[in-house]
């Protein structure tokens, strides 16, 4: 399997969680409540699965491998992806602050929670599209099969050391649970 396919597969889980938090944010925007822990759990998912694990694979392994094969960091898609990773982290920090306050029973945190969540959703959906349709295709053109094999092994190591055993499964179960909840709001 190509290493880029691993990242595409992870995007599917991230997109599913984005749909959940967007539905929750819209619910808050309409003056309705959501479970107090939903957004703090989502922040944990975005920090651990999406950032530490997924973005870690890209930043620590894929991007350097692409650079070694001649794809420039500055002025190209790699540089843009790094900027967007940082923008996403800023949104998640804002989500975290507001989600913590909301979870503690402070309804005045809802507007900031909605704003940061919807900003993050919009950013990440566009970001994922660019990676799937531009960056990963570029990677597949410049990386050799041996590069993909090395990346795949490095990705496995990142999963084992950054998220720990069973974490991906736990996150997928959480996404499924929240998807059912979000569907019940329709």
C-alpha atoms as a PDB file:
ATOM      1  CA  UNK A   1       0.000   0.000   0.000  1.00  0.00           C
ATOM      2  CA  UNK A   2       1.214   3.472  -0.807  1.00  0.00           C
ATOM      3  CA  UNK A   3       1.908   5.659   2.185  1.00  0.00           C
ATOM      4  CA  UNK A   4      -0.302   8.346   0.668  1.00  0.00           C
ATOM      5  CA  UNK A   5      -3.246   5.920   0.813  1.00  0.00           C
ATOM      6  CA  UNK A   6      -2.772   5.614   4.575  1.00  0.00           C
ATOM      7  CA  UNK A   7      -3.098   9.399   4.800  1.00  0.00           C
ATOM      8  CA  UNK A   8      -6.146   9.434   2.497  1.00  0.00           C
ATOM      9  CA  UNK A   9      -7.798   6.791   4.682  1.00  0.00           C
ATOM     10  CA  UNK A  10      -7.124   8.880   7.780  1.00  0.00           C
ATOM     11  CA  UNK A  11      -8.717  11.842   6.036  1.00  0.00           C
ATOM     12  CA  UNK A  12     -11.987   9.902   5.937  1.00  0.00           C
ATOM     13  CA  UNK A  13     -12.076   9.688   9.736  1.00  0.00           C
ATOM     14  CA  UNK A  14     -11.160  13.349  10.071  1.00  0.00           C
ATOM     15  CA  UNK A  15     -13.893  14.365   7.609  1.00  0.00           C
ATOM     16  CA  UNK A  16     -16.425  12.299   9.557  1.00  0.00           C
ATOM     17  CA  UNK A  17     -15.503  14.086  12.785  1.00  0.00           C
ATOM     18  CA  UNK A  18     -15.635  17.451  11.005  1.00  0.00           C
ATOM     19  CA  UNK A  19     -19.216  16.692   9.955  1.00  0.00           C
ATOM     20  CA  UNK A  20     -20.112  15.900  13.566  1.00  0.00           C
ATOM     21  CA  UNK A  21     -18.624  19.083  15.005  1.00  0.00           C
ATOM     22  CA  UNK A  22     -20.142  21.185  12.242  1.00  0.00           C
ATOM     23  CA  UNK A  23     -23.589  19.797  13.119  1.00  0.00           C
ATOM     24  CA  UNK A  24     -22.923  20.459  16.808  1.00  0.00           C
ATOM     25  CA  UNK A  25     -21.741  24.013  16.095  1.00  0.00           C
ATOM     26  CA  UNK A  26     -24.836  24.732  14.004  1.00  0.00           C
ATOM     27  CA  UNK A  27     -26.965  23.412  16.835  1.00  0.00           C
ATOM     28  CA  UNK A  28     -25.226  25.770  19.271  1.00  0.00           C
ATOM     29  CA  UNK A  29     -25.601  28.595  16.774  1.00  0.00           C
ATOM     30  CA  UNK A  30     -29.357  27.968  16.797  1.00  0.00           C
ATOM     31  CA  UNK A  31     -29.496  28.258  20.591  1.00  0.00           C
ATOM     32  CA  UNK A  32     -29.721  24.530  21.292  1.00  0.00           C
ATOM     33  CA  UNK A  33     -27.517  22.572  23.637  1.00  0.00           C
ATOM     34  CA  UNK A  34     -25.095  19.792  22.883  1.00  0.00           C
ATOM     35  CA  UNK A  35     -23.540  17.253  25.256  1.00  0.00           C
ATOM     36  CA  UNK A  36     -21.004  19.150  27.330  1.00  0.00           C
ATOM     37  CA  UNK A  37     -18.173  16.729  26.623  1.00  0.00           C
ATOM     38  CA  UNK A  38     -18.693  16.409  22.857  1.00  0.00           C
ATOM     39  CA  UNK A  39     -16.480  19.314  21.862  1.00  0.00           C
ATOM     40  CA  UNK A  40     -13.770  18.627  24.441  1.00  0.00           C
ATOM     41  CA  UNK A  41     -13.638  15.037  23.148  1.00  0.00           C
ATOM     42  CA  UNK A  42     -13.519  16.359  19.585  1.00  0.00           C
ATOM     43  CA  UNK A  43     -10.618  18.645  20.507  1.00  0.00           C
ATOM     44  CA  UNK A  44      -8.793  15.594  21.885  1.00  0.00           C
ATOM     45  CA  UNK A  45      -9.394  13.785  18.594  1.00  0.00           C
ATOM     46  CA  UNK A  46      -8.182  16.729  16.518  1.00  0.00           C
ATOM     47  CA  UNK A  47      -5.081  17.231  18.673  1.00  0.00           C
ATOM     48  CA  UNK A  48      -4.097  13.586  18.945  1.00  0.00           C
ATOM     49  CA  UNK A  49      -5.344  11.846  15.810  1.00  0.00           C
ATOM     50  CA  UNK A  50      -5.454  14.687  13.272  1.00  0.00           C
ATOM     51  CA  UNK A  51      -2.452  16.687  14.456  1.00  0.00           C
ATOM     52  CA  UNK A  52       0.039  14.573  16.433  1.00  0.00           C
ATOM     53  CA  UNK A  53      -0.484  11.428  14.386  1.00  0.00           C
ATOM     54  CA  UNK A  54      -1.734  12.427  10.926  1.00  0.00           C
ATOM     55  CA  UNK A  55      -0.012  15.794  10.513  1.00  0.00           C
ATOM     56  CA  UNK A  56       3.017  14.314  12.265  1.00  0.00           C
ATOM     57  CA  UNK A  57       3.283  11.692   9.528  1.00  0.00           C
ATOM     58  CA  UNK A  58       3.140  14.403   6.906  1.00  0.00           C
ATOM     59  CA  UNK A  59       5.490  16.893   8.569  1.00  0.00           C
ATOM     60  CA  UNK A  60       8.061  14.449   9.911  1.00  0.00           C
ATOM     61  CA  UNK A  61       8.098  11.878   7.118  1.00  0.00           C
ATOM     62  CA  UNK A  62       6.175  12.599   3.887  1.00  0.00           C
ATOM     63  CA  UNK A  63       7.178  16.221   3.344  1.00  0.00           C
ATOM     64  CA  UNK A  64      10.915  15.594   3.937  1.00  0.00           C
ATOM     65  CA  UNK A  65      10.770  12.577   1.593  1.00  0.00           C
ATOM     66  CA  UNK A  66       9.162  14.743  -1.080  1.00  0.00           C
ATOM     67  CA  UNK A  67      11.800  17.429  -0.549  1.00  0.00           C
ATOM     68  CA  UNK A  68      14.539  14.817  -1.019  1.00  0.00           C
ATOM     69  CA  UNK A  69      12.927  14.005  -4.368  1.00  0.00           C
ATOM     70  CA  UNK A  70      13.022  17.643  -5.467  1.00  0.00           C
ATOM     71  CA  UNK A  71       9.705  19.118  -4.330  1.00  0.00           C
ATOM     72  CA  UNK A  72      10.488  22.505  -2.751  1.00  0.00           C
ATOM     73  CA  UNK A  73       9.215  23.348   0.719  1.00  0.00           C
ATOM     74  CA  UNK A  74       8.920  27.095   0.131  1.00  0.00           C
ATOM     75  CA  UNK A  75       6.699  28.515  -2.559  1.00  0.00           C
ATOM     76  CA  UNK A  76       4.887  25.259  -3.236  1.00  0.00           C
ATOM     77  CA  UNK A  77       2.230  22.952  -1.853  1.00  0.00           C
ATOM     78  CA  UNK A  78       4.345  21.692   1.052  1.00  0.00           C
ATOM     79  CA  UNK A  79       4.814  25.217   2.379  1.00  0.00           C
ATOM     80  CA  UNK A  80       1.087  25.908   2.006  1.00  0.00           C
ATOM     81  CA  UNK A  81       0.175  22.714   3.870  1.00  0.00           C
ATOM     82  CA  UNK A  82       2.489  23.676   6.738  1.00  0.00           C
ATOM     83  CA  UNK A  83       0.893  27.127   6.979  1.00  0.00           C
ATOM     84  CA  UNK A  84      -2.555  25.520   7.037  1.00  0.00           C
ATOM     85  CA  UNK A  85      -1.478  23.044   9.732  1.00  0.00           C
ATOM     86  CA  UNK A  86      -0.521  26.035  11.893  1.00  0.00           C
ATOM     87  CA  UNK A  87      -3.806  27.793  11.122  1.00  0.00           C
ATOM     88  CA  UNK A  88      -5.660  24.635  12.126  1.00  0.00           C
ATOM     89  CA  UNK A  89      -3.774  24.467  15.414  1.00  0.00           C
ATOM     90  CA  UNK A  90      -4.855  28.043  16.172  1.00  0.00           C
ATOM     91  CA  UNK A  91      -8.500  27.147  15.544  1.00  0.00           C
ATOM     92  CA  UNK A  92      -8.178  24.055  17.759  1.00  0.00           C
ATOM     93  CA  UNK A  93      -6.689  26.173  20.568  1.00  0.00           C
ATOM     94  CA  UNK A  94      -9.694  28.474  20.306  1.00  0.00           C
ATOM     95  CA  UNK A  95     -12.042  25.491  20.231  1.00  0.00           C
ATOM     96  CA  UNK A  96     -10.323  24.023  23.271  1.00  0.00           C
ATOM     97  CA  UNK A  97     -10.622  27.165  25.372  1.00  0.00           C
ATOM     98  CA  UNK A  98     -14.285  27.622  24.487  1.00  0.00           C
ATOM     99  CA  UNK A  99     -15.118  23.903  24.763  1.00  0.00           C
ATOM    100  CA  UNK A 100     -13.630  23.764  28.263  1.00  0.00           C
ATOM    101  CA  UNK A 101     -15.736  26.721  29.369  1.00  0.00           C
ATOM    102  CA  UNK A 102     -18.847  25.273  27.722  1.00  0.00           C
ATOM    103  CA  UNK A 103     -18.232  21.893  29.390  1.00  0.00           C
ATOM    104  CA  UNK A 104     -18.009  23.693  32.746  1.00  0.00           C
ATOM    105  CA  UNK A 105     -21.482  25.115  32.165  1.00  0.00           C
ATOM    106  CA  UNK A 106     -20.637  28.530  30.706  1.00  0.00           C
ATOM    107  CA  UNK A 107     -23.105  29.143  27.845  1.00  0.00           C
ATOM    108  CA  UNK A 108     -21.370  32.435  26.974  1.00  0.00           C
ATOM    109  CA  UNK A 109     -18.572  30.317  25.459  1.00  0.00           C
ATOM    110  CA  UNK A 110     -20.882  29.075  22.690  1.00  0.00           C
ATOM    111  CA  UNK A 111     -20.205  31.900  20.156  1.00  0.00           C
ATOM    112  CA  UNK A 112     -16.423  31.427  20.344  1.00  0.00           C
ATOM    113  CA  UNK A 113     -16.884  27.672  20.154  1.00  0.00           C
ATOM    114  CA  UNK A 114     -19.066  28.020  17.056  1.00  0.00           C
ATOM    115  CA  UNK A 115     -16.693  30.491  15.372  1.00  0.00           C
ATOM    116  CA  UNK A 116     -13.551  28.422  15.939  1.00  0.00           C
ATOM    117  CA  UNK A 117     -15.266  25.162  15.063  1.00  0.00           C
ATOM    118  CA  UNK A 118     -16.736  26.419  11.789  1.00  0.00           C
ATOM    119  CA  UNK A 119     -13.426  28.080  10.883  1.00  0.00           C
ATOM    120  CA  UNK A 120     -11.599  24.829  11.502  1.00  0.00           C
ATOM    121  CA  UNK A 121     -14.157  22.785   9.552  1.00  0.00           C
ATOM    122  CA  UNK A 122     -13.887  25.093   6.552  1.00  0.00           C
ATOM    123  CA  UNK A 123     -10.083  25.183   6.651  1.00  0.00           C
ATOM    124  CA  UNK A 124      -9.631  21.442   7.047  1.00  0.00           C
ATOM    125  CA  UNK A 125     -12.109  20.439   4.362  1.00  0.00           C
ATOM    126  CA  UNK A 126     -10.278  22.613   1.834  1.00  0.00           C
ATOM    127  CA  UNK A 127      -6.924  21.416   3.161  1.00  0.00           C
ATOM    128  CA  UNK A 128      -7.867  17.761   2.803  1.00  0.00           C
ATOM    129  CA  UNK A 129      -9.126  18.341  -0.726  1.00  0.00           C
ATOM    130  CA  UNK A 130      -5.788  19.949  -1.669  1.00  0.00           C
ATOM    131  CA  UNK A 131      -3.804  17.114  -0.134  1.00  0.00           C
ATOM    132  CA  UNK A 132      -5.894  14.355  -1.718  1.00  0.00           C
ATOM    133  CA  UNK A 133      -6.090  15.954  -5.153  1.00  0.00           C
ATOM    134  CA  UNK A 134      -2.790  17.802  -5.507  1.00  0.00           C
ATOM    135  CA  UNK A 135      -0.119  17.031  -2.916  1.00  0.00           C
ATOM    136  CA  UNK A 136      -0.574  13.256  -2.652  1.00  0.00           C
ATOM    137  CA  UNK A 137      -0.752  12.890  -6.427  1.00  0.00           C
ATOM    138  CA  UNK A 138       2.493  14.840  -6.637  1.00  0.00           C
ATOM    139  CA  UNK A 139       3.999  12.580  -3.965  1.00  0.00           C
ATOM    140  CA  UNK A 140       2.944   9.471  -5.858  1.00  0.00           C
ATOM    141  CA  UNK A 141       4.697  10.806  -8.961  1.00  0.00           C
ATOM    142  CA  UNK A 142       8.021  11.613  -7.305  1.00  0.00           C
ATOM    143  CA  UNK A 143       8.315   8.863  -4.663  1.00  0.00           C
ATOM    144  CA  UNK A 144       9.592   5.411  -5.528  1.00  0.00           C
ATOM    145  CA  UNK A 145       8.028   2.209  -4.194  1.00  0.00           C
ATOM    146  CA  UNK A 146      10.929   1.908  -1.750  1.00  0.00           C
ATOM    147  CA  UNK A 147      10.124   5.407  -0.457  1.00  0.00           C
ATOM    148  CA  UNK A 148       6.521   4.365   0.151  1.00  0.00           C
ATOM    149  CA  UNK A 149       7.691   1.247   1.997  1.00  0.00           C
ATOM    150  CA  UNK A 150       9.947   3.310   4.270  1.00  0.00           C
ATOM    151  CA  UNK A 151       7.182   5.847   4.857  1.00  0.00           C
ATOM    152  CA  UNK A 152       4.666   3.129   5.663  1.00  0.00           C
ATOM    153  CA  UNK A 153       7.005   1.684   8.301  1.00  0.00           C
ATOM    154  CA  UNK A 154       7.655   5.167   9.712  1.00  0.00           C
ATOM    155  CA  UNK A 155       3.893   5.802   9.837  1.00  0.00           C
ATOM    156  CA  UNK A 156       3.395   2.606  11.836  1.00  0.00           C
ATOM    157  CA  UNK A 157       6.040   3.777  14.289  1.00  0.00           C
ATOM    158  CA  UNK A 158       4.366   7.176  14.658  1.00  0.00           C
ATOM    159  CA  UNK A 159       1.032   5.513  15.411  1.00  0.00           C
ATOM    160  CA  UNK A 160       2.643   3.287  18.026  1.00  0.00           C
ATOM    161  CA  UNK A 161       4.575   6.051  19.758  1.00  0.00           C
ATOM    162  CA  UNK A 162       2.312   9.100  19.457  1.00  0.00           C
ATOM    163  CA  UNK A 163      -1.177   7.755  19.924  1.00  0.00           C
ATOM    164  CA  UNK A 164      -0.564   4.373  21.528  1.00  0.00           C
ATOM    165  CA  UNK A 165      -2.131   0.979  20.980  1.00  0.00           C
ATOM    166  CA  UNK A 166      -5.875   0.961  20.475  1.00  0.00           C
ATOM    167  CA  UNK A 167      -6.215   4.742  20.159  1.00  0.00           C
ATOM    168  CA  UNK A 168      -7.220   4.718  16.500  1.00  0.00           C
ATOM    169  CA  UNK A 169      -9.914   2.161  17.254  1.00  0.00           C
ATOM    170  CA  UNK A 170     -11.141   4.207  20.217  1.00  0.00           C
ATOM    171  CA  UNK A 171     -11.368   7.315  18.073  1.00  0.00           C
ATOM    172  CA  UNK A 172     -13.248   5.495  15.326  1.00  0.00           C
ATOM    173  CA  UNK A 173     -15.738   4.195  17.913  1.00  0.00           C
ATOM    174  CA  UNK A 174     -16.154   7.734  19.264  1.00  0.00           C
ATOM    175  CA  UNK A 175     -16.784   9.078  15.751  1.00  0.00           C
ATOM    176  CA  UNK A 176     -19.424   6.407  15.143  1.00  0.00           C
ATOM    177  CA  UNK A 177     -21.144   7.239  18.445  1.00  0.00           C
ATOM    178  CA  UNK A 178     -21.192  10.957  17.700  1.00  0.00           C
ATOM    179  CA  UNK A 179     -22.361  10.375  14.118  1.00  0.00           C
ATOM    180  CA  UNK A 180     -25.438   8.594  15.510  1.00  0.00           C
ATOM    181  CA  UNK A 181     -26.055  11.456  17.907  1.00  0.00           C
ATOM    182  CA  UNK A 182     -25.689  14.095  15.172  1.00  0.00           C
ATOM    183  CA  UNK A 183     -28.046  12.128  12.906  1.00  0.00           C
ATOM    184  CA  UNK A 184     -30.663  12.126  15.694  1.00  0.00           C
ATOM    185  CA  UNK A 185     -30.630  15.946  15.694  1.00  0.00           C
ATOM    186  CA  UNK A 186     -31.861  16.130  12.092  1.00  0.00           C
END
